[in-house]
Every structure is written in structure tokens, then in C-alpha cells.
Protein backbone atom coordinates (compact mmCIF):
# COMPACT_ATOMS: atom_id res chain seq x y z
CA UNK A 1 26.70 9.18 30.05
CA UNK A 2 24.44 11.41 32.36
CA UNK A 3 22.06 12.79 29.04
CA UNK A 4 21.52 9.09 27.59
CA UNK A 5 20.05 8.25 31.02
CA UNK A 6 18.39 11.19 32.16
CA UNK A 7 15.28 12.76 30.99
CA UNK A 8 15.21 15.36 28.96
CA UNK A 9 15.39 16.59 25.58
CA UNK A 10 19.72 15.85 25.13
CA UNK A 11 17.97 12.20 25.94
CA UNK A 12 15.92 12.12 23.04
CA UNK A 13 18.07 13.57 20.16
CA UNK A 14 20.82 11.18 21.51
CA UNK A 15 18.04 7.78 20.81
CA UNK A 16 17.00 9.88 17.67
CA UNK A 17 21.05 9.11 16.64
CA UNK A 18 21.17 6.09 17.78
CA UNK A 19 18.27 4.46 16.05
CA UNK A 20 19.63 6.42 12.95
CA UNK A 21 22.56 5.08 13.30
CA UNK A 22 21.50 1.31 12.89
CA UNK A 23 21.35 1.59 9.20
CA UNK A 24 25.06 1.97 9.02
CA UNK A 25 25.14 -1.39 10.59
CA UNK A 26 23.52 -2.83 7.75
CA UNK A 27 23.74 -3.12 4.02
CA UNK A 28 25.63 -1.44 2.56
CA UNK A 29 27.87 0.01 4.92
CA UNK A 30 27.87 -3.42 6.84
CA UNK A 31 29.22 -1.67 10.36
CA UNK A 32 28.24 -3.82 12.77
CA UNK A 33 29.21 -3.06 16.08
CA UNK A 34 26.67 -0.09 15.68
CA UNK A 35 23.86 -2.59 15.36
CA UNK A 36 25.33 -3.29 19.43
CA UNK A 37 25.40 -0.08 20.15
CA UNK A 38 22.43 1.52 18.63
CA UNK A 39 20.47 -1.44 21.14
CA UNK A 40 22.83 -0.23 24.36
CA UNK A 41 21.89 3.14 24.47
CA UNK A 42 18.23 2.44 23.93
CA UNK A 43 18.59 0.39 27.05
CA UNK A 44 20.62 2.61 28.68
CA UNK A 45 17.65 5.89 28.28
CA UNK A 46 15.00 3.57 29.41
CA UNK A 47 16.93 2.83 32.67
CA UNK A 48 15.81 6.06 34.98
CA UNK A 49 12.88 7.27 33.12
CA UNK A 50 9.22 7.07 33.91
CA UNK A 51 6.53 5.16 31.91
CA UNK A 52 5.50 8.36 30.17
CA UNK A 53 9.08 9.93 29.70
CA UNK A 54 9.91 6.07 28.05
CA UNK A 55 6.98 6.33 25.44
CA UNK A 56 8.94 10.18 24.16
CA UNK A 57 12.65 8.06 24.25
CA UNK A 58 10.72 4.64 22.48
CA UNK A 59 9.47 7.14 19.56
CA UNK A 60 12.53 9.53 19.24
CA UNK A 61 14.53 5.91 18.82
CA UNK A 62 12.22 4.63 16.51
CA UNK A 63 12.27 7.80 14.68
CA UNK A 64 15.71 8.05 14.25
CA UNK A 65 16.01 4.35 12.81
CA UNK A 66 13.25 4.84 10.02
CA UNK A 67 14.11 8.02 9.49
CA UNK A 68 17.39 7.21 8.21
CA UNK A 69 16.69 3.29 7.33
CA UNK A 70 13.81 3.52 4.91
CA UNK A 71 14.61 7.02 3.61
CA UNK A 72 14.65 5.27 -0.42
CA UNK A 73 10.60 4.86 0.18
CA UNK A 74 10.80 9.22 -0.77
CA UNK A 75 11.78 7.98 -4.03
CA UNK A 76 8.57 5.23 -5.01
CA UNK A 77 6.34 8.98 -3.73
CA UNK A 78 8.33 11.45 -5.41
CA UNK A 79 9.43 9.92 -8.28
CA UNK A 80 6.92 7.29 -9.64
CA UNK A 81 3.61 8.59 -7.26
CA UNK A 82 4.05 12.08 -8.53
CA UNK A 83 3.92 13.92 -5.56
CA UNK A 84 5.63 16.91 -5.15
CA UNK A 85 8.49 17.39 -3.01
CA UNK A 86 7.21 19.16 -0.35
CA UNK A 87 4.01 16.44 -0.34
CA UNK A 88 6.37 13.81 0.07
CA UNK A 89 8.46 14.78 2.42
CA UNK A 90 5.24 15.45 4.34
CA UNK A 91 3.90 11.97 3.87
CA UNK A 92 7.36 10.32 4.96
CA UNK A 93 7.50 12.07 7.66
CA UNK A 94 4.08 11.06 8.68
CA UNK A 95 5.22 7.72 7.64
CA UNK A 96 7.94 7.64 10.18
CA UNK A 97 5.87 9.18 13.04
CA UNK A 98 3.19 6.41 12.82
CA UNK A 99 5.61 3.66 12.88
CA UNK A 100 8.11 4.60 15.59
CA UNK A 101 5.29 3.62 17.53
CA UNK A 102 6.49 0.04 17.20
CA UNK A 103 9.25 1.43 19.10
CA UNK A 104 7.13 3.61 21.74
CA UNK A 105 4.60 1.65 22.96
CA UNK A 106 7.01 -1.82 23.78
CA UNK A 107 9.49 1.30 25.91
CA UNK A 108 6.69 1.85 27.81
CA UNK A 109 6.12 -1.44 28.73
CA UNK A 110 9.69 -2.04 29.58
CA UNK A 111 9.66 1.10 32.32
CA UNK A 112 5.71 0.06 33.44
CA UNK A 113 5.64 -3.50 33.97
CA UNK A 114 9.20 -5.24 33.22
CA UNK A 115 12.59 -2.80 34.48
CA UNK A 116 13.97 -5.14 37.16
CA UNK A 117 16.74 -2.72 38.63
CA UNK A 118 18.02 -4.82 41.28
CA UNK A 119 18.29 -7.29 39.14
CA UNK A 120 20.72 -6.76 36.15
CA UNK A 121 20.95 -10.38 35.29
CA UNK A 122 17.18 -10.80 35.20
CA UNK A 123 17.05 -7.53 33.75
CA UNK A 124 19.10 -7.84 30.77
CA UNK A 125 17.49 -11.03 30.18
CA UNK A 126 13.80 -9.87 30.09
CA UNK A 127 15.24 -6.81 27.74
CA UNK A 128 16.32 -9.08 25.24
CA UNK A 129 12.85 -10.96 25.01
CA UNK A 130 10.71 -7.96 24.65
CA UNK A 131 13.24 -6.73 21.90
CA UNK A 132 12.80 -10.03 19.91
CA UNK A 133 8.34 -9.29 20.77
CA UNK A 134 8.84 -5.92 19.53
CA UNK A 135 10.60 -7.23 16.47
CA UNK A 136 8.15 -10.22 15.39
CA UNK A 137 5.30 -7.45 16.50
CA UNK A 138 5.85 -5.44 13.81
CA UNK A 139 6.74 -7.95 11.18
CA UNK A 140 2.90 -8.84 11.98
CA UNK A 141 0.97 -5.99 12.62
CA UNK A 142 -1.31 -4.60 9.84
CA UNK A 143 0.11 -7.81 7.56
CA UNK A 144 3.39 -5.62 8.82
CA UNK A 145 6.85 -4.06 8.30
CA UNK A 146 9.85 -6.37 8.71
CA UNK A 147 12.48 -4.48 7.89
CA UNK A 148 16.05 -3.19 9.38
CA UNK A 149 15.67 -5.69 12.02
CA UNK A 150 19.30 -5.96 13.81
CA UNK A 151 19.79 -9.40 13.30
CA UNK A 152 20.86 -8.61 9.82
CA UNK A 153 24.15 -6.81 10.27
CA UNK A 154 25.06 -9.75 11.07
CA UNK A 155 25.06 -11.69 8.27
CA UNK A 156 29.40 -10.96 7.70
CA UNK A 157 29.60 -10.66 11.52
CA UNK A 158 30.60 -13.11 14.18
CA UNK A 159 26.75 -13.96 14.81
CA UNK A 160 26.42 -15.48 11.20
CA UNK A 161 26.35 -18.89 12.40
CA UNK A 162 22.89 -18.76 15.01
CA UNK A 163 20.89 -17.96 12.10
CA UNK A 164 20.36 -21.54 10.70
CA UNK A 165 19.90 -21.97 14.49
CA UNK A 166 16.96 -19.36 15.21
CA UNK A 167 16.84 -17.39 12.43
CA UNK A 168 17.20 -13.50 11.45
CA UNK A 169 15.50 -14.05 15.44
CA UNK A 170 18.26 -15.47 17.13
CA UNK A 171 20.89 -13.34 15.95
CA UNK A 172 18.55 -9.83 16.88
CA UNK A 173 17.67 -11.64 20.59
CA UNK A 174 21.94 -12.23 21.01
CA UNK A 175 22.39 -8.85 20.03
CA UNK A 176 19.81 -7.12 22.43
CA UNK A 177 21.33 -9.72 25.22
CA UNK A 178 24.63 -8.72 25.12
CA UNK A 179 24.11 -5.02 24.58
CA UNK A 180 21.75 -4.81 28.25
CA UNK A 181 24.45 -7.36 29.86
CA UNK A 182 27.08 -5.15 28.54
CA UNK A 183 25.74 -2.16 30.29
CA UNK A 184 24.73 -4.17 33.24
CA UNK A 185 28.87 -5.73 33.96
CA UNK A 186 29.30 -2.10 36.48
CA UNK A 187 25.82 -3.86 38.45
CA UNK A 188 26.88 -7.29 37.89
CA UNK A 189 30.91 -6.84 39.23
CA UNK A 190 29.24 -5.95 42.15
CA UNK A 191 27.39 -9.00 42.68
CA UNK A 192 30.08 -11.74 42.47
CA UNK A 193 27.95 -14.71 42.55
CA UNK A 194 25.69 -13.31 39.03
CA UNK A 195 28.47 -12.39 37.51
CA UNK A 196 29.95 -15.66 36.14
CA UNK A 197 26.91 -15.94 34.52
CA UNK A 198 26.48 -12.43 32.68
CA UNK A 199 30.41 -13.54 31.02
CA UNK A 200 28.55 -16.93 30.37
CA UNK A 201 25.68 -15.07 29.15
CA UNK A 202 27.68 -12.78 26.96
CA UNK A 203 30.81 -14.25 25.78
CA UNK A 204 29.02 -17.90 25.01
CA UNK A 205 26.89 -16.75 22.12
CA UNK A 206 29.21 -15.16 20.24
CA UNK A 207 31.69 -18.26 20.06
CA UNK A 208 29.22 -20.01 18.95
CA UNK A 209 28.34 -18.34 16.25
CA UNK A 210 32.16 -17.56 14.72
CA UNK A 211 32.56 -21.61 15.63
CA UNK A 212 29.22 -22.56 13.68
CA UNK A 213 29.89 -20.32 10.64
CA UNK A 214 30.39 -21.93 7.55
CA UNK A 215 29.05 -24.99 9.14
CA UNK A 216 27.08 -27.08 6.75
CA UNK A 217 23.51 -28.07 7.64
CA UNK A 218 22.44 -28.91 4.69
CA UNK A 219 23.53 -31.96 1.14
CA UNK A 220 23.38 -31.32 -1.94
CA UNK A 221 21.02 -33.49 -3.25
CA UNK A 222 21.43 -33.28 -7.03
CA UNK A 223 24.08 -32.24 -9.72
CA UNK A 224 24.56 -28.33 -10.38
CA UNK A 225 22.04 -26.46 -12.66
CA UNK A 226 23.66 -24.23 -14.56
CA UNK A 227 21.04 -20.44 -14.48
CA UNK A 228 20.67 -17.72 -16.89
CA UNK A 229 19.36 -14.39 -15.22
CA UNK A 230 17.98 -11.43 -17.33
CA UNK A 231 18.01 -8.07 -16.08
CA UNK A 232 16.20 -5.56 -18.42
CA UNK A 233 16.73 -2.39 -16.94
CA UNK A 234 13.28 -1.76 -17.33
CA UNK A 235 12.70 2.05 -17.16
CA UNK A 236 9.67 1.84 -13.99
CA UNK A 237 8.36 5.30 -16.48
CA UNK A 238 7.61 2.49 -19.46
CA UNK A 239 6.66 -0.62 -17.31
CA UNK A 240 2.92 -0.23 -17.29
CA UNK A 241 2.62 1.70 -20.70
CA UNK A 242 0.74 -0.01 -22.92
CA UNK A 243 2.67 1.51 -26.19
CA UNK A 244 5.87 -0.45 -25.11
CA UNK A 245 4.62 -3.43 -24.29
CA UNK A 246 5.37 -5.62 -27.21
CA UNK A 247 9.42 -3.96 -26.73
CA UNK A 248 9.66 -5.50 -23.39
CA UNK A 249 8.07 -8.51 -24.31
CA UNK A 250 10.73 -8.77 -27.83
CA UNK A 251 13.85 -7.38 -24.98
CA UNK A 252 13.43 -10.77 -22.87
CA UNK A 253 12.83 -12.67 -26.39
CA UNK A 254 15.71 -11.82 -27.88
CA UNK A 255 17.64 -11.35 -24.65
CA UNK A 256 16.81 -15.13 -24.07
CA UNK A 257 17.63 -16.20 -27.74
CA UNK A 258 20.69 -15.07 -27.65
CA UNK A 259 21.93 -16.38 -23.84
CA UNK A 260 23.88 -19.59 -23.58
CA UNK A 261 21.82 -22.95 -22.94
CA UNK A 262 21.42 -23.52 -19.36
CA UNK A 263 19.04 -25.53 -16.46
CA UNK A 264 16.85 -22.42 -15.32
CA UNK A 265 16.36 -19.30 -17.11
CA UNK A 266 14.66 -16.80 -14.88
CA UNK A 267 13.10 -13.00 -15.53
CA UNK A 268 12.15 -10.75 -13.02
CA UNK A 269 8.87 -10.06 -11.36
CA UNK A 270 6.48 -9.02 -14.35
CA UNK A 271 8.97 -9.30 -16.84
CA UNK A 272 5.81 -10.38 -18.54
CA UNK A 273 3.78 -6.97 -18.14
CA UNK A 274 0.45 -8.12 -19.31
CA UNK A 275 -1.96 -10.54 -17.89
CA UNK A 276 -1.16 -14.45 -18.17
CA UNK A 277 -4.21 -15.35 -19.62
CA UNK A 278 -3.70 -12.27 -23.03
CA UNK A 279 -0.08 -13.56 -23.00
CA UNK A 280 -0.03 -16.95 -22.74
CA UNK A 281 0.85 -17.43 -26.80
CA UNK A 282 3.53 -15.81 -26.18
CA UNK A 283 4.83 -17.67 -22.51
CA UNK A 284 3.72 -21.10 -25.00
CA UNK A 285 6.37 -20.02 -27.39
CA UNK A 286 9.08 -19.53 -24.99
CA UNK A 287 8.22 -22.65 -22.97
CA UNK A 288 8.89 -24.14 -26.83
CA UNK A 289 11.98 -22.58 -27.19
CA UNK A 290 12.73 -23.68 -23.18
CA UNK A 291 12.14 -27.39 -24.27
CA UNK A 292 13.97 -27.16 -26.98
CA UNK A 293 17.01 -26.14 -25.21
CA UNK A 294 15.73 -28.52 -22.56
CA UNK A 295 15.46 -25.84 -20.14
CA UNK A 296 12.97 -24.58 -18.05
CA UNK A 297 11.86 -20.51 -18.07
CA UNK A 298 10.75 -18.81 -14.60
CA UNK A 299 9.31 -15.55 -15.33
CA UNK A 300 7.11 -12.76 -13.00
CA UNK A 301 3.32 -12.32 -14.73
CA UNK A 302 -0.01 -11.07 -13.31
CA UNK A 303 -2.46 -13.58 -12.88
CA UNK A 304 -6.20 -13.12 -13.42
CA UNK A 305 -8.86 -15.37 -11.99
CA UNK A 306 -12.29 -15.51 -11.64
CA UNK A 307 -13.59 -16.09 -8.07
CA UNK A 308 -16.87 -15.70 -7.04
CA UNK A 309 -17.99 -14.59 -10.70
CA UNK A 310 -15.47 -11.58 -10.15
CA UNK A 311 -12.07 -10.97 -11.99
CA UNK A 312 -9.43 -10.98 -9.00
CA UNK A 313 -5.83 -10.18 -10.29
CA UNK A 314 -2.43 -11.45 -8.74
CA UNK A 315 1.26 -10.38 -8.49
CA UNK A 316 2.50 -14.44 -9.86
CA UNK A 317 5.34 -16.15 -11.32
CA UNK A 318 4.63 -19.07 -13.54
CA UNK A 319 6.82 -22.15 -15.08
CA UNK A 320 7.07 -22.85 -19.47
CA UNK A 321 8.98 -25.32 -21.01
CA UNK A 322 10.71 -28.02 -18.46
CA UNK A 323 8.38 -27.83 -15.04
CA UNK A 324 4.82 -26.82 -14.28
CA UNK A 325 3.05 -24.77 -11.34
CA UNK A 326 2.16 -20.73 -10.59
CA UNK A 327 2.51 -19.60 -7.92
CA UNK A 328 0.29 -15.87 -6.60
CA UNK A 329 1.87 -13.62 -4.46
CA UNK A 330 0.83 -13.46 -0.66
CA UNK A 331 2.63 -10.96 0.66
CA UNK A 332 1.51 -7.38 -0.68
CA UNK A 333 3.25 -4.23 -0.64
CA UNK A 334 0.76 -1.65 0.85
CA UNK A 335 0.48 1.43 -1.56
CA UNK A 336 2.35 -0.42 -4.32
CA UNK A 337 -0.18 -3.68 -4.79
CA UNK A 338 -2.60 -2.53 -3.18
CA UNK A 339 -4.22 0.55 -0.88
CA UNK A 340 -5.41 0.42 2.83
CA UNK A 341 -8.21 2.04 3.04
CA UNK A 342 -8.59 2.36 -0.89
CA UNK A 343 -12.65 3.67 -0.64
CA UNK A 344 -11.60 7.01 1.36
CA UNK A 345 -7.70 7.32 -0.43
CA UNK A 346 -8.25 6.45 -4.13
CA UNK A 347 -7.81 9.22 -6.11
CA UNK A 348 -6.32 12.03 -3.24
CA UNK A 349 -2.76 11.88 -4.96
CA UNK A 350 -1.14 9.99 -7.86
CA UNK A 351 0.02 8.28 -5.34
CA UNK A 352 -2.85 6.05 -4.68
CA UNK A 353 -3.28 5.02 -8.15
CA UNK A 354 0.16 3.80 -8.72
CA UNK A 355 -0.41 1.05 -11.67
CA UNK A 356 -1.14 -2.58 -10.82
CA UNK A 357 -1.70 -1.04 -7.02
CA UNK A 358 -5.09 -3.52 -6.72
CA UNK A 359 -3.64 -6.59 -6.49
CA UNK A 360 -5.20 -9.57 -4.31
CA UNK A 361 -3.65 -11.75 -2.13
CA UNK A 362 -2.13 -15.59 -3.19
CA UNK A 363 -3.80 -18.38 -1.23
CA UNK A 364 -2.04 -19.33 1.90
CA UNK A 365 -2.06 -23.45 0.10
CA UNK A 366 0.03 -23.52 -2.87
CA UNK A 367 2.30 -26.04 -4.66
CA UNK A 368 5.53 -24.83 -4.84
CA UNK A 369 7.15 -24.33 -8.53
CA UNK A 370 9.01 -27.25 -10.15
CA UNK A 371 11.55 -27.30 -12.49
CA UNK A 372 13.75 -29.66 -14.17
CA UNK A 373 12.64 -31.82 -11.43
CA UNK A 374 13.30 -30.45 -8.54
CA UNK A 375 11.20 -27.78 -6.36
CA UNK A 376 11.57 -24.50 -6.01
CA UNK A 377 10.13 -22.02 -3.12
CA UNK A 378 9.18 -18.87 -4.74
CA UNK A 379 8.95 -15.28 -3.35
CA UNK A 380 8.13 -12.34 -5.25
CA UNK A 381 9.62 -9.02 -4.48
CA UNK A 382 8.72 -8.40 -0.26
CA UNK A 383 8.05 -12.03 0.79
CA UNK A 384 11.32 -11.85 0.76
CA UNK A 385 12.14 -10.19 4.42
CA UNK A 386 9.41 -12.58 6.26
CA UNK A 387 11.29 -14.53 8.20
CA UNK A 388 8.18 -17.11 9.60
CA UNK A 389 6.73 -17.21 5.78
CA UNK A 390 10.06 -17.94 3.86
CA UNK A 391 10.84 -20.52 5.83
CA UNK A 392 7.16 -22.10 5.73
CA UNK A 393 8.26 -22.18 1.52
CA UNK A 394 11.73 -23.10 2.21
CA UNK A 395 11.64 -25.97 3.91
CA UNK A 396 9.92 -28.30 1.60
CA UNK A 397 11.83 -27.03 -1.17
CA UNK A 398 14.95 -27.95 -2.36
CA UNK A 399 16.38 -24.04 -4.53
CA UNK A 400 15.28 -21.01 -3.42
CA UNK A 401 13.71 -17.99 -6.16
CA UNK A 402 13.55 -14.37 -5.58
CA UNK A 403 12.50 -12.61 -8.08
CA UNK A 404 11.74 -8.74 -7.35
CA UNK A 405 11.88 -4.78 -9.70
CA UNK A 406 13.31 -2.74 -7.39
CA UNK A 407 13.09 -0.33 -9.75
CA UNK A 408 10.53 1.83 -7.85
CA UNK A 409 13.55 3.28 -5.27
CA UNK A 410 16.08 4.17 -7.83
CA UNK A 411 19.75 4.21 -6.89
CA UNK A 412 18.82 4.33 -2.67
CA UNK A 413 20.01 1.77 -0.72
CA UNK A 414 16.82 0.29 -0.48
CA UNK A 415 17.29 -2.29 -3.13
CA UNK A 416 21.17 -3.54 -1.42
CA UNK A 417 19.25 -3.96 1.77
CA UNK A 418 16.72 -6.00 0.26
CA UNK A 419 19.29 -8.32 -1.23
CA UNK A 420 21.34 -8.78 1.92
CA UNK A 421 17.75 -10.17 3.97
CA UNK A 422 17.20 -12.62 0.74
CA UNK A 423 20.80 -13.73 1.54
CA UNK A 424 19.85 -14.49 5.77
CA UNK A 425 16.89 -16.44 4.22
CA UNK A 426 19.65 -18.58 2.04
CA UNK A 427 21.48 -18.44 5.44
CA UNK A 428 18.50 -19.64 7.21
CA UNK A 429 17.43 -22.12 5.24
CA UNK A 430 21.27 -23.75 4.17
CA UNK A 431 19.85 -23.07 0.48
CA UNK A 432 21.11 -21.84 -3.06
CA UNK A 433 18.89 -18.94 -3.66
CA UNK A 434 18.45 -17.20 -7.53
CA UNK A 435 17.38 -14.02 -7.26
CA UNK A 436 16.42 -11.94 -10.54
CA UNK A 437 15.62 -7.99 -10.94
CA UNK A 438 14.68 -5.36 -13.70
CA UNK A 439 17.45 -3.55 -12.13
CA UNK A 440 19.49 -5.12 -9.94
CA UNK A 441 21.21 -6.72 -7.63
CA UNK A 442 20.70 -9.62 -9.88
CA UNK A 443 22.99 -12.75 -8.21
CA UNK A 444 23.21 -16.14 -7.45
CA UNK A 445 23.85 -16.25 -3.19
CA UNK A 446 25.65 -20.13 -2.10
CA UNK A 447 24.02 -21.81 1.19
CA UNK A 448 26.01 -19.69 3.65
CA UNK A 449 24.42 -16.13 2.46
CA UNK A 450 27.61 -15.21 -0.08
CA UNK A 451 26.64 -14.09 -2.85
CA UNK A 452 28.82 -16.01 -5.43
CA UNK A 453 27.80 -14.40 -8.38
CA UNK A 454 25.72 -10.67 -9.75
CA UNK A 455 25.68 -8.23 -12.56
CA UNK A 456 25.59 -4.25 -12.16
CA UNK A 457 22.80 -2.40 -11.25
CA UNK A 458 21.64 -0.29 -13.79
CA UNK A 459 22.28 -2.59 -16.56
CA UNK A 460 20.96 -4.80 -18.72
CA UNK A 461 22.54 -8.18 -18.68
CA UNK A 462 22.30 -11.39 -18.44
CA UNK A 463 23.78 -13.68 -15.16
CA UNK A 464 25.25 -16.86 -15.26
CA UNK A 465 25.93 -19.35 -12.69
CA UNK A 466 25.67 -22.49 -10.72
CA UNK A 467 23.43 -23.13 -8.41
CA UNK A 468 22.53 -26.99 -6.28
CA UNK A 469 20.08 -28.84 -5.37
CA UNK A 470 20.03 -28.66 -1.23
CA UNK A 471 18.26 -31.52 0.85
CA UNK A 472 17.68 -31.50 4.91
CA UNK A 473 16.22 -28.73 6.93
CA UNK A 474 18.54 -26.83 9.28
CA UNK A 475 17.34 -26.53 12.76
CA UNK A 476 15.78 -23.20 12.08
CA UNK A 477 13.80 -24.51 8.81
CA UNK A 478 12.66 -27.84 11.61
CA UNK A 479 11.34 -25.72 14.28
CA UNK A 480 11.22 -22.10 13.25
CA UNK A 481 10.84 -19.67 16.00
CA UNK A 482 8.97 -21.75 18.55
CA UNK A 483 11.93 -22.59 20.87
CA UNK A 484 12.66 -19.45 21.32
CA UNK A 485 9.32 -18.15 21.47
CA UNK A 486 8.56 -20.09 24.27
CA UNK A 487 12.10 -19.40 25.44
CA UNK A 488 11.19 -15.47 25.90
CA UNK A 489 7.31 -15.89 26.53
CA UNK A 490 8.89 -17.11 30.24
CA UNK A 491 11.03 -14.67 30.60
CA UNK A 492 8.64 -11.82 30.30
CA UNK A 493 6.37 -13.52 32.25
CA UNK A 494 9.10 -14.26 34.92
CA UNK A 495 10.25 -10.36 33.95
CA UNK A 496 6.43 -8.87 35.05
CA UNK A 497 5.78 -11.15 37.99
CA UNK A 498 9.14 -10.68 40.12
CA UNK A 499 8.79 -7.09 39.27
CA UNK A 500 5.37 -7.18 40.42
CA UNK A 501 6.45 -9.02 44.09
CA UNK A 502 8.70 -6.06 44.28
CA UNK A 503 6.40 -3.68 43.77
CA UNK A 504 4.48 -4.78 46.71
CA UNK A 505 7.62 -5.43 48.22
């Protein structure tokens, strides 16, 4: 305990270990109590530190979190980006060092302006509010990197029932509050008046989350739809090779021709590796095939449009056959779909010249896809990890759809973390989700975030199953994060003012 709370390298190493342990609380390990333990270590580690020392302690925690939880980025840089093992490692360490500041700055802020040692209950509430603020900030700053949120650990845990109420944000808030309250129990015991309130705040959210687990917030709006999702398992090295384009189109054509008749036939992200206007003949042919089967084909395809006299390229998804609509991706992957500061970075190393890394961002206001008479909210790959963005589309939909190509991450834990976040979006929205990927994980997810059907990774396969269009809104889709944001703003303002009055006294 002394190592955790005091300044110095032992406490910093423990902070690194605590951050790293968070990845074990998430997919594919799912040891959810570790998320609670990690936050508790982080909270205790800031208790006796000066603002400058807290800055370093927070940085260590962030370095451990991202170092273990996003190590899969190495596959993209080394295997597909062409960087040597040494260069890939250096780039990865630089990334970890930079993104760790997402925890360093809140730690400094906590020690400098918000910590209230004399009021353990208020201190825990303020810490939980600050924890949520840092999660929201790292999902927004510079387009955001909303990965490794603590709340995802509860997808199968006792707090899962809170997700339809306030999204993954509410689950993270409760985890942070619970961790701080557990740490403060010895101090609360000395103040009987606060102990009862602390126990209520500690126990009530867990009882509520457990009681609401499995509660149906939405209802079917139509008959079940049959689905076939094609997993082509195309090697990334061949994906954008012009010599292999026809073979890829033939692969998806033949797998579709051989599939059972279904209502929705879904291909993954950029399954058509040709610009939509160039592949329109092929898409129309497949649309005719789908129409003859009384089906709708939904496929990923890059799209070219003329904007202000110039060609702009988008990562898109379109419907052919029994339906309509083309959606253009809004949330782009840095370096994978666009290169920040590209005038400086283009050409330095192969990693900054990845195929299709010059996409433009789609417009904010777009119509949903329509197929078989139902509205479908589409998320292309990375978009499904943004809770608020996903909720905005889901609130207008009957079904959710995410298409992806996680081949960039090989056999790492990255695709499984990605799947877990898609499951959380289905739980938050109370809607079925279809997930079609190039090499896994292709799956169907029910409104409770449970996988009902899936096919093995790294295999060419066709997934069959049923989904049900849903209506009505969960509280989270109706109110989004505004109620929780207001509570956290009040808590942080209260903490700051109380700290200021205490300092004056």
C-alpha cells in the first residue's frame, strides 16, 4: 500500500502494471474485476502526490494501459506498413508515450484542483466524474481514439443492465465511483453519517445493473429477417492488387450464388475493391440476382464523387436489389484512411503510404440504408467504437449493421476487442446487429449484446441466421449522455469550489 500511495518508481511501476491489467478485463480475457482493481490502484496512487508527481503517475498508468491493450497496432505497422521490427517498435512506443497523456493531464488536474482528502464521499464522486471526463475527451480530441473504456469489461458482468440507461459511459462512471468508494471505506467508517450514504452509492448501482440485465427496452417491429453474411478471408496483401480484383469479385459472386436464399445478403467493408462508378455494372448484376431472390445485397465499396470540381474518395456501403441507399464513412482511421499532416509524412516510410489512405470524411447528415422495408444504421469499421455517434444513427433505425476488415490486425486481440465494442452498441440501442468482416469476427448480435451466430476467424465462410427489426428507444438512445454529463459537470464544479474554499480556510 505504501508503494502505491507514495511518490517514486515503485508506485509508478505499479501504475504501469495496473494500466496493463485493464486489457485482461476486456475481450478476449473478460476478467472484469480487474477493471475495478486497476481504477482503484490509479485512484490510490494519486492520493498523496503533488500535482507534478501525479502527472507522472497518470502517464505511467496510461502507458501501461495502451502498451498492453493496443499492442496489436504493431501488426499494422510492421506486417502491412512495411516498417522494420525496430522502426515499428519505436513508432509504437512513441504512440504509447503520446497517448498516455490522456491520463497524465487528468491526474495533474485531480491533484491540483479537485482532490478533497477531508471529504471521502465527495472525493469519490468527483473522481468518478473526472474519470468519465477523460474517457469522453479521448474519444473526441483529434477525432478521438475511443478504445479500452473500462465500461466494456461489464458486457457480461453485473453492470451490463446499466448500458441501455446511460451507455458505456454510465458503466464506466459506476466502476470509477465503486473503486474510489471501496478505497475510502476505512475513512468513511470513522464518519458514521457518511458511511450509510457511501454504502448506498456503492451497492445500489450494482443491484440495479444486475436487476435490469436482460430487461427488454425495445420491441419487434416486424417479422424476423434471414441473413447471410459472406466472409471472404482475402489476404490483405492481395486486397488492393489490381491483378487480383477480378478474382475477389468472382469470389463474392460465387459464394453468393451458392448461398441459401435470404432476406439480407451482406458483404464486408470494401468487398468490392473498385470505385463504385467503375464497378456499377457488377453491382447492378448482383442487384438483379438479389431482386430475383427477393433479397437485398449490402456491400462495402469505395465511392468517388465530384466536389467543387475535384474528385473526392470515400469509404462507403451501398444497397443493391430490394432496397436503396449509399452511406459514406464519417469517422476515419488515422493513417489507415487518412494521414494527419500528410504533406510532411507522405513518403517518409511505407506505413504512411498504405493503400486507400486518402479517403475524405462523409457528410454529417446522411440518410440511413433501407432494405426489405426497414431502416438500417450502418457503421463502417472504426465508426462502431464511438458511443455517441453510433447512438445518433441507431435512434433512427430498426437494425444495426457494421462491416469491417480487421485483417490489418492479424491474429492479435484487436479484432476481438472490436467485436466487444460492437456488442456494447447493440446492448445500448436494444437492437440486433449484423457484423460482416473480411476474416472475422463475422457474427449476429442480439439486443442484449449476446452473440447468437458466428463463424470462425481466418476462414472463408458464409454465416446464416436471423435478426429481428426493433422499435422504441432505450433511455440512452432517447437522452444520450446529457443527463450523465450534467451530473458530472455539477460534481466537478462542486469539487473545484469546495477545494478552493478549503484552501482559503
